[in-house]
PDB file of N, CA and C in Angstrom:
ATOM      1  N   MET A   1       6.565  21.352 -16.103  1.00  0.00           N
ATOM      2  CA  MET A   1       7.234  20.650 -15.014  1.00  0.00           C
ATOM      3  C   MET A   1       8.741  20.756 -15.252  1.00  0.00           C
ATOM      4  N   ASN A   2       9.466  21.145 -14.208  1.00  0.00           N
ATOM      5  CA  ASN A   2      10.911  21.265 -14.359  1.00  0.00           C
ATOM      6  C   ASN A   2      11.590  19.906 -14.190  1.00  0.00           C
ATOM      7  N   LYS A   3      12.879  19.850 -14.495  1.00  0.00           N
ATOM      8  CA  LYS A   3      13.604  18.579 -14.451  1.00  0.00           C
ATOM      9  C   LYS A   3      13.663  17.982 -13.052  1.00  0.00           C
ATOM     10  N   ALA A   4      13.618  18.809 -12.022  1.00  0.00           N
ATOM     11  CA  ALA A   4      13.707  18.315 -10.650  1.00  0.00           C
ATOM     12  C   ALA A   4      12.413  17.654 -10.203  1.00  0.00           C
ATOM     13  N   THR A   5      11.314  17.910 -10.885  1.00  0.00           N
ATOM     14  CA  THR A   5      10.021  17.360 -10.508  1.00  0.00           C
ATOM     15  C   THR A   5       9.741  16.075 -11.290  1.00  0.00           C
ATOM     16  N   LYS A   6       9.439  15.014 -10.542  1.00  0.00           N
ATOM     17  CA  LYS A   6       9.113  13.732 -11.166  1.00  0.00           C
ATOM     18  C   LYS A   6       7.784  13.258 -10.625  1.00  0.00           C
ATOM     19  N   THR A   7       7.025  12.586 -11.453  1.00  0.00           N
ATOM     20  CA  THR A   7       5.777  11.994 -10.993  1.00  0.00           C
ATOM     21  C   THR A   7       6.083  10.657 -10.322  1.00  0.00           C
ATOM     22  N   VAL A   8       5.116  10.154  -9.587  1.00  0.00           N
ATOM     23  CA  VAL A   8       5.271   8.846  -8.965  1.00  0.00           C
ATOM     24  C   VAL A   8       5.464   7.786 -10.043  1.00  0.00           C
ATOM     25  N   ALA A   9       4.737   7.910 -11.145  1.00  0.00           N
ATOM     26  CA  ALA A   9       4.877   6.950 -12.247  1.00  0.00           C
ATOM     27  C   ALA A   9       6.293   6.973 -12.813  1.00  0.00           C
ATOM     28  N   ASP A  10       6.851   8.188 -12.968  1.00  0.00           N
ATOM     29  CA  ASP A  10       8.226   8.306 -13.471  1.00  0.00           C
ATOM     30  C   ASP A  10       9.215   7.647 -12.519  1.00  0.00           C
ATOM     31  N   LEU A  11       9.041   7.872 -11.226  1.00  0.00           N
ATOM     32  CA  LEU A  11       9.931   7.251 -10.243  1.00  0.00           C
ATOM     33  C   LEU A  11       9.816   5.737 -10.285  1.00  0.00           C
ATOM     34  N   GLY A  12       8.587   5.241 -10.404  1.00  0.00           N
ATOM     35  CA  GLY A  12       8.390   3.795 -10.475  1.00  0.00           C
ATOM     36  C   GLY A  12       9.099   3.188 -11.667  1.00  0.00           C
ATOM     37  N   LYS A  13       8.988   3.828 -12.814  1.00  0.00           N
ATOM     38  CA  LYS A  13       9.680   3.337 -14.017  1.00  0.00           C
ATOM     39  C   LYS A  13      11.190   3.345 -13.818  1.00  0.00           C
ATOM     40  N   GLU A  14      11.679   4.406 -13.191  1.00  0.00           N
ATOM     41  CA  GLU A  14      13.124   4.512 -12.937  1.00  0.00           C
ATOM     42  C   GLU A  14      13.593   3.430 -11.971  1.00  0.00           C
ATOM     43  N   TRP A  15      12.857   3.245 -10.885  1.00  0.00           N
ATOM     44  CA  TRP A  15      13.241   2.252  -9.882  1.00  0.00           C
ATOM     45  C   TRP A  15      13.179   0.837 -10.436  1.00  0.00           C
ATOM     46  N   MET A  16      12.226   0.577 -11.341  1.00  0.00           N
ATOM     47  CA  MET A  16      12.096  -0.766 -11.893  1.00  0.00           C
ATOM     48  C   MET A  16      13.258  -1.138 -12.813  1.00  0.00           C
ATOM     49  N   GLN A  17      14.139  -0.206 -13.087  1.00  0.00           N
ATOM     50  CA  GLN A  17      15.346  -0.495 -13.868  1.00  0.00           C
ATOM     51  C   GLN A  17      16.459  -1.059 -12.986  1.00  0.00           C
ATOM     52  N   ASP A  18      16.289  -0.975 -11.673  1.00  0.00           N
ATOM     53  CA  ASP A  18      17.290  -1.442 -10.711  1.00  0.00           C
ATOM     54  C   ASP A  18      16.959  -2.884 -10.305  1.00  0.00           C
ATOM     55  N   PRO A  19      17.805  -3.858 -10.676  1.00  0.00           N
ATOM     56  CA  PRO A  19      17.514  -5.264 -10.363  1.00  0.00           C
ATOM     57  C   PRO A  19      17.309  -5.528  -8.866  1.00  0.00           C
ATOM     58  N   ALA A  20      18.028  -4.834  -8.010  1.00  0.00           N
ATOM     59  CA  ALA A  20      17.868  -5.027  -6.565  1.00  0.00           C
ATOM     60  C   ALA A  20      16.488  -4.552  -6.114  1.00  0.00           C
ATOM     61  N   PHE A  21      16.037  -3.428  -6.669  1.00  0.00           N
ATOM     62  CA  PHE A  21      14.704  -2.924  -6.342  1.00  0.00           C
ATOM     63  C   PHE A  21      13.646  -3.910  -6.805  1.00  0.00           C
ATOM     64  N   VAL A  22      13.769  -4.384  -8.035  1.00  0.00           N
ATOM     65  CA  VAL A  22      12.796  -5.326  -8.598  1.00  0.00           C
ATOM     66  C   VAL A  22      12.726  -6.590  -7.740  1.00  0.00           C
ATOM     67  N   ARG A  23      13.866  -7.095  -7.325  1.00  0.00           N
ATOM     68  CA  ARG A  23      13.923  -8.301  -6.491  1.00  0.00           C
ATOM     69  C   ARG A  23      13.162  -8.076  -5.176  1.00  0.00           C
ATOM     70  N   GLU A  24      13.412  -6.952  -4.519  1.00  0.00           N
ATOM     71  CA  GLU A  24      12.739  -6.655  -3.250  1.00  0.00           C
ATOM     72  C   GLU A  24      11.245  -6.393  -3.458  1.00  0.00           C
ATOM     73  N   TYR A  25      10.906  -5.698  -4.529  1.00  0.00           N
ATOM     74  CA  TYR A  25       9.506  -5.413  -4.857  1.00  0.00           C
ATOM     75  C   TYR A  25       8.750  -6.721  -5.072  1.00  0.00           C
ATOM     76  N   GLU A  26       9.324  -7.627  -5.833  1.00  0.00           N
ATOM     77  CA  GLU A  26       8.686  -8.908  -6.107  1.00  0.00           C
ATOM     78  C   GLU A  26       8.572  -9.768  -4.852  1.00  0.00           C
ATOM     79  N   ALA A  27       9.511  -9.605  -3.932  1.00  0.00           N
ATOM     80  CA  ALA A  27       9.463 -10.360  -2.678  1.00  0.00           C
ATOM     81  C   ALA A  27       8.273  -9.932  -1.819  1.00  0.00           C
ATOM     82  N   LEU A  28       7.737  -8.746  -2.073  1.00  0.00           N
ATOM     83  CA  LEU A  28       6.597  -8.237  -1.314  1.00  0.00           C
ATOM     84  C   LEU A  28       5.251  -8.538  -1.978  1.00  0.00           C
ATOM     85  N   GLU A  29       5.245  -9.346  -3.008  1.00  0.00           N
ATOM     86  CA  GLU A  29       4.027  -9.623  -3.767  1.00  0.00           C
ATOM     87  C   GLU A  29       2.880 -10.115  -2.883  1.00  0.00           C
ATOM     88  N   GLU A  30       3.153 -11.022  -1.953  1.00  0.00           N
ATOM     89  CA  GLU A  30       2.100 -11.540  -1.083  1.00  0.00           C
ATOM     90  C   GLU A  30       1.524 -10.444  -0.189  1.00  0.00           C
ATOM     91  N   GLU A  31       2.392  -9.572   0.345  1.00  0.00           N
ATOM     92  CA  GLU A  31       1.920  -8.482   1.195  1.00  0.00           C
ATOM     93  C   GLU A  31       1.054  -7.501   0.402  1.00  0.00           C
ATOM     94  N   PHE A  32       1.470  -7.197  -0.840  1.00  0.00           N
ATOM     95  CA  PHE A  32       0.682  -6.304  -1.693  1.00  0.00           C
ATOM     96  C   PHE A  32      -0.685  -6.914  -1.990  1.00  0.00           C
ATOM     97  N   ALA A  33      -0.716  -8.208  -2.262  1.00  0.00           N
ATOM     98  CA  ALA A  33      -1.973  -8.892  -2.561  1.00  0.00           C
ATOM     99  C   ALA A  33      -2.893  -8.882  -1.346  1.00  0.00           C
ATOM    100  N   LEU A  34      -2.337  -9.128  -0.166  1.00  0.00           N
ATOM    101  CA  LEU A  34      -3.137  -9.111   1.058  1.00  0.00           C
ATOM    102  C   LEU A  34      -3.680  -7.710   1.320  1.00  0.00           C
ATOM    103  N   ALA A  35      -2.841  -6.701   1.202  1.00  0.00           N
ATOM    104  CA  ALA A  35      -3.291  -5.325   1.419  1.00  0.00           C
ATOM    105  C   ALA A  35      -4.403  -4.965   0.444  1.00  0.00           C
ATOM    106  N   SER A  36      -4.248  -5.341  -0.793  1.00  0.00           N
ATOM    107  CA  SER A  36      -5.265  -5.061  -1.806  1.00  0.00           C
ATOM    108  C   SER A  36      -6.578  -5.753  -1.466  1.00  0.00           C
ATOM    109  N   ALA A  37      -6.509  -7.008  -1.029  1.00  0.00           N
ATOM    110  CA  ALA A  37      -7.716  -7.751  -0.671  1.00  0.00           C
ATOM    111  C   ALA A  37      -8.406  -7.121   0.536  1.00  0.00           C
ATOM    112  N   LEU A  38      -7.630  -6.681   1.517  1.00  0.00           N
ATOM    113  CA  LEU A  38      -8.214  -6.046   2.702  1.00  0.00           C
ATOM    114  C   LEU A  38      -8.885  -4.723   2.350  1.00  0.00           C
ATOM    115  N   ILE A  39      -8.244  -3.940   1.503  1.00  0.00           N
ATOM    116  CA  ILE A  39      -8.817  -2.664   1.079  1.00  0.00           C
ATOM    117  C   ILE A  39     -10.120  -2.898   0.326  1.00  0.00           C
ATOM    118  N   GLU A  40     -10.109  -3.877  -0.565  1.00  0.00           N
ATOM    119  CA  GLU A  40     -11.318  -4.200  -1.333  1.00  0.00           C
ATOM    120  C   GLU A  40     -12.442  -4.676  -0.425  1.00  0.00           C
ATOM    121  N   ALA A  41     -12.125  -5.540   0.541  1.00  0.00           N
ATOM    122  CA  ALA A  41     -13.138  -6.050   1.462  1.00  0.00           C
ATOM    123  C   ALA A  41     -13.723  -4.919   2.305  1.00  0.00           C
ATOM    124  N   ARG A  42     -12.885  -4.013   2.777  1.00  0.00           N
ATOM    125  CA  ARG A  42     -13.379  -2.881   3.568  1.00  0.00           C
ATOM    126  C   ARG A  42     -14.285  -1.996   2.729  1.00  0.00           C
ATOM    127  N   ALA A  43     -13.889  -1.739   1.490  1.00  0.00           N
ATOM    128  CA  ALA A  43     -14.697  -0.898   0.601  1.00  0.00           C
ATOM    129  C   ALA A  43     -16.059  -1.548   0.324  1.00  0.00           C
ATOM    130  N   GLN A  44     -16.061  -2.837   0.084  1.00  0.00           N
ATOM    131  CA  GLN A  44     -17.313  -3.537  -0.207  1.00  0.00           C
ATOM    132  C   GLN A  44     -18.227  -3.614   1.010  1.00  0.00           C
ATOM    133  N   SER A  45     -17.635  -3.626   2.201  1.00  0.00           N
ATOM    134  CA  SER A  45     -18.450  -3.720   3.417  1.00  0.00           C
ATOM    135  C   SER A  45     -18.905  -2.349   3.906  1.00  0.00           C
ATOM    136  N   ASN A  46     -18.426  -1.292   3.250  1.00  0.00           N
ATOM    137  CA  ASN A  46     -18.772   0.080   3.626  1.00  0.00           C
ATOM    138  C   ASN A  46     -18.407   0.406   5.070  1.00  0.00           C
ATOM    139  N   LEU A  47     -17.309  -0.160   5.549  1.00  0.00           N
ATOM    140  CA  LEU A  47     -16.816   0.138   6.889  1.00  0.00           C
ATOM    141  C   LEU A  47     -15.711   1.179   6.808  1.00  0.00           C
ATOM    142  N   THR A  48     -15.673   2.051   7.797  1.00  0.00           N
ATOM    143  CA  THR A  48     -14.587   3.026   7.866  1.00  0.00           C
ATOM    144  C   THR A  48     -13.375   2.372   8.520  1.00  0.00           C
ATOM    145  N   GLN A  49     -12.226   3.024   8.427  1.00  0.00           N
ATOM    146  CA  GLN A  49     -11.043   2.520   9.116  1.00  0.00           C
ATOM    147  C   GLN A  49     -11.287   2.491  10.625  1.00  0.00           C
ATOM    148  N   GLU A  50     -12.003   3.482  11.125  1.00  0.00           N
ATOM    149  CA  GLU A  50     -12.337   3.531  12.550  1.00  0.00           C
ATOM    150  C   GLU A  50     -13.173   2.318  12.955  1.00  0.00           C
ATOM    151  N   GLU A  51     -14.166   1.965  12.136  1.00  0.00           N
ATOM    152  CA  GLU A  51     -15.020   0.810  12.432  1.00  0.00           C
ATOM    153  C   GLU A  51     -14.229  -0.497  12.390  1.00  0.00           C
ATOM    154  N   ILE A  52     -13.345  -0.615  11.436  1.00  0.00           N
ATOM    155  CA  ILE A  52     -12.481  -1.807  11.361  1.00  0.00           C
ATOM    156  C   ILE A  52     -11.621  -1.904  12.619  1.00  0.00           C
ATOM    157  N   ALA A  53     -11.020  -0.787  13.010  1.00  0.00           N
ATOM    158  CA  ALA A  53     -10.168  -0.774  14.201  1.00  0.00           C
ATOM    159  C   ALA A  53     -10.961  -1.172  15.444  1.00  0.00           C
ATOM    160  N   GLN A  54     -12.184  -0.654  15.587  1.00  0.00           N
ATOM    161  CA  GLN A  54     -13.027  -1.016  16.735  1.00  0.00           C
ATOM    162  C   GLN A  54     -13.298  -2.515  16.750  1.00  0.00           C
ATOM    163  N   ARG A  55     -13.611  -3.070  15.603  1.00  0.00           N
ATOM    164  CA  ARG A  55     -13.887  -4.513  15.527  1.00  0.00           C
ATOM    165  C   ARG A  55     -12.645  -5.346  15.840  1.00  0.00           C
ATOM    166  N   MET A  56     -11.475  -4.775  15.566  1.00  0.00           N
ATOM    167  CA  MET A  56     -10.213  -5.464  15.865  1.00  0.00           C
ATOM    168  C   MET A  56      -9.748  -5.181  17.297  1.00  0.00           C
ATOM    169  N   ARG A  57     -10.531  -4.356  18.003  1.00  0.00           N
ATOM    170  CA  ARG A  57     -10.218  -3.952  19.376  1.00  0.00           C
ATOM    171  C   ARG A  57      -8.854  -3.268  19.469  1.00  0.00           C
ATOM    172  N   THR A  58      -8.661  -2.343  18.536  1.00  0.00           N
ATOM    173  CA  THR A  58      -7.436  -1.555  18.506  1.00  0.00           C
ATOM    174  C   THR A  58      -7.801  -0.124  18.108  1.00  0.00           C
ATOM    175  N   SER A  59      -6.800   0.728  18.022  1.00  0.00           N
ATOM    176  CA  SER A  59      -7.072   2.104  17.609  1.00  0.00           C
ATOM    177  C   SER A  59      -6.851   2.245  16.101  1.00  0.00           C
ATOM    178  N   ARG A  60      -7.447   3.280  15.544  1.00  0.00           N
ATOM    179  CA  ARG A  60      -7.266   3.517  14.109  1.00  0.00           C
ATOM    180  C   ARG A  60      -5.797   3.748  13.795  1.00  0.00           C
ATOM    181  N   SER A  61      -5.092   4.484  14.659  1.00  0.00           N
ATOM    182  CA  SER A  61      -3.675   4.763  14.385  1.00  0.00           C
ATOM    183  C   SER A  61      -2.856   3.480  14.397  1.00  0.00           C
ATOM    184  N   THR A  62      -3.183   2.541  15.270  1.00  0.00           N
ATOM    185  CA  THR A  62      -2.492   1.254  15.280  1.00  0.00           C
ATOM    186  C   THR A  62      -2.833   0.475  14.020  1.00  0.00           C
ATOM    187  N   PHE A  63      -4.109   0.498  13.651  1.00  0.00           N
ATOM    188  CA  PHE A  63      -4.588  -0.196  12.455  1.00  0.00           C
ATOM    189  C   PHE A  63      -3.875   0.342  11.211  1.00  0.00           C
ATOM    190  N   GLU A  64      -3.745   1.655  11.090  1.00  0.00           N
ATOM    191  CA  GLU A  64      -3.109   2.268   9.916  1.00  0.00           C
ATOM    192  C   GLU A  64      -1.627   1.942   9.844  1.00  0.00           C
ATOM    193  N   ALA A  65      -0.979   1.759  10.988  1.00  0.00           N
ATOM    194  CA  ALA A  65       0.467   1.510  11.005  1.00  0.00           C
ATOM    195  C   ALA A  65       0.809   0.093  10.584  1.00  0.00           C
ATOM    196  N   GLN A  66      -0.176  -0.780  10.560  1.00  0.00           N
ATOM    197  CA  GLN A  66       0.084  -2.183  10.226  1.00  0.00           C
ATOM    198  C   GLN A  66       0.324  -2.391   8.779  1.00  0.00           C
TER     199      GLN A  66
END
C-alpha cells in the first residue's frame, strides 16, 4: 500500500485526534445507537429494505436516505 492509500480504520484513528471531530462524533451517539438498533431489528426479522419501506408506505430510496 502506498502512502496515499489509507484504510477506513487509519482515517478514523487520524480523525479521532481532532477535538472538533470527536465533539461532533460524540454528539451523534444517539443517532448511531438508533441506527444500530434498527439494523439489528431488521436483520432479526429477516425483512429486506424493500419490505421495510413498503411497511412504512414509502420507497426504498426514501428509506435509505433517512
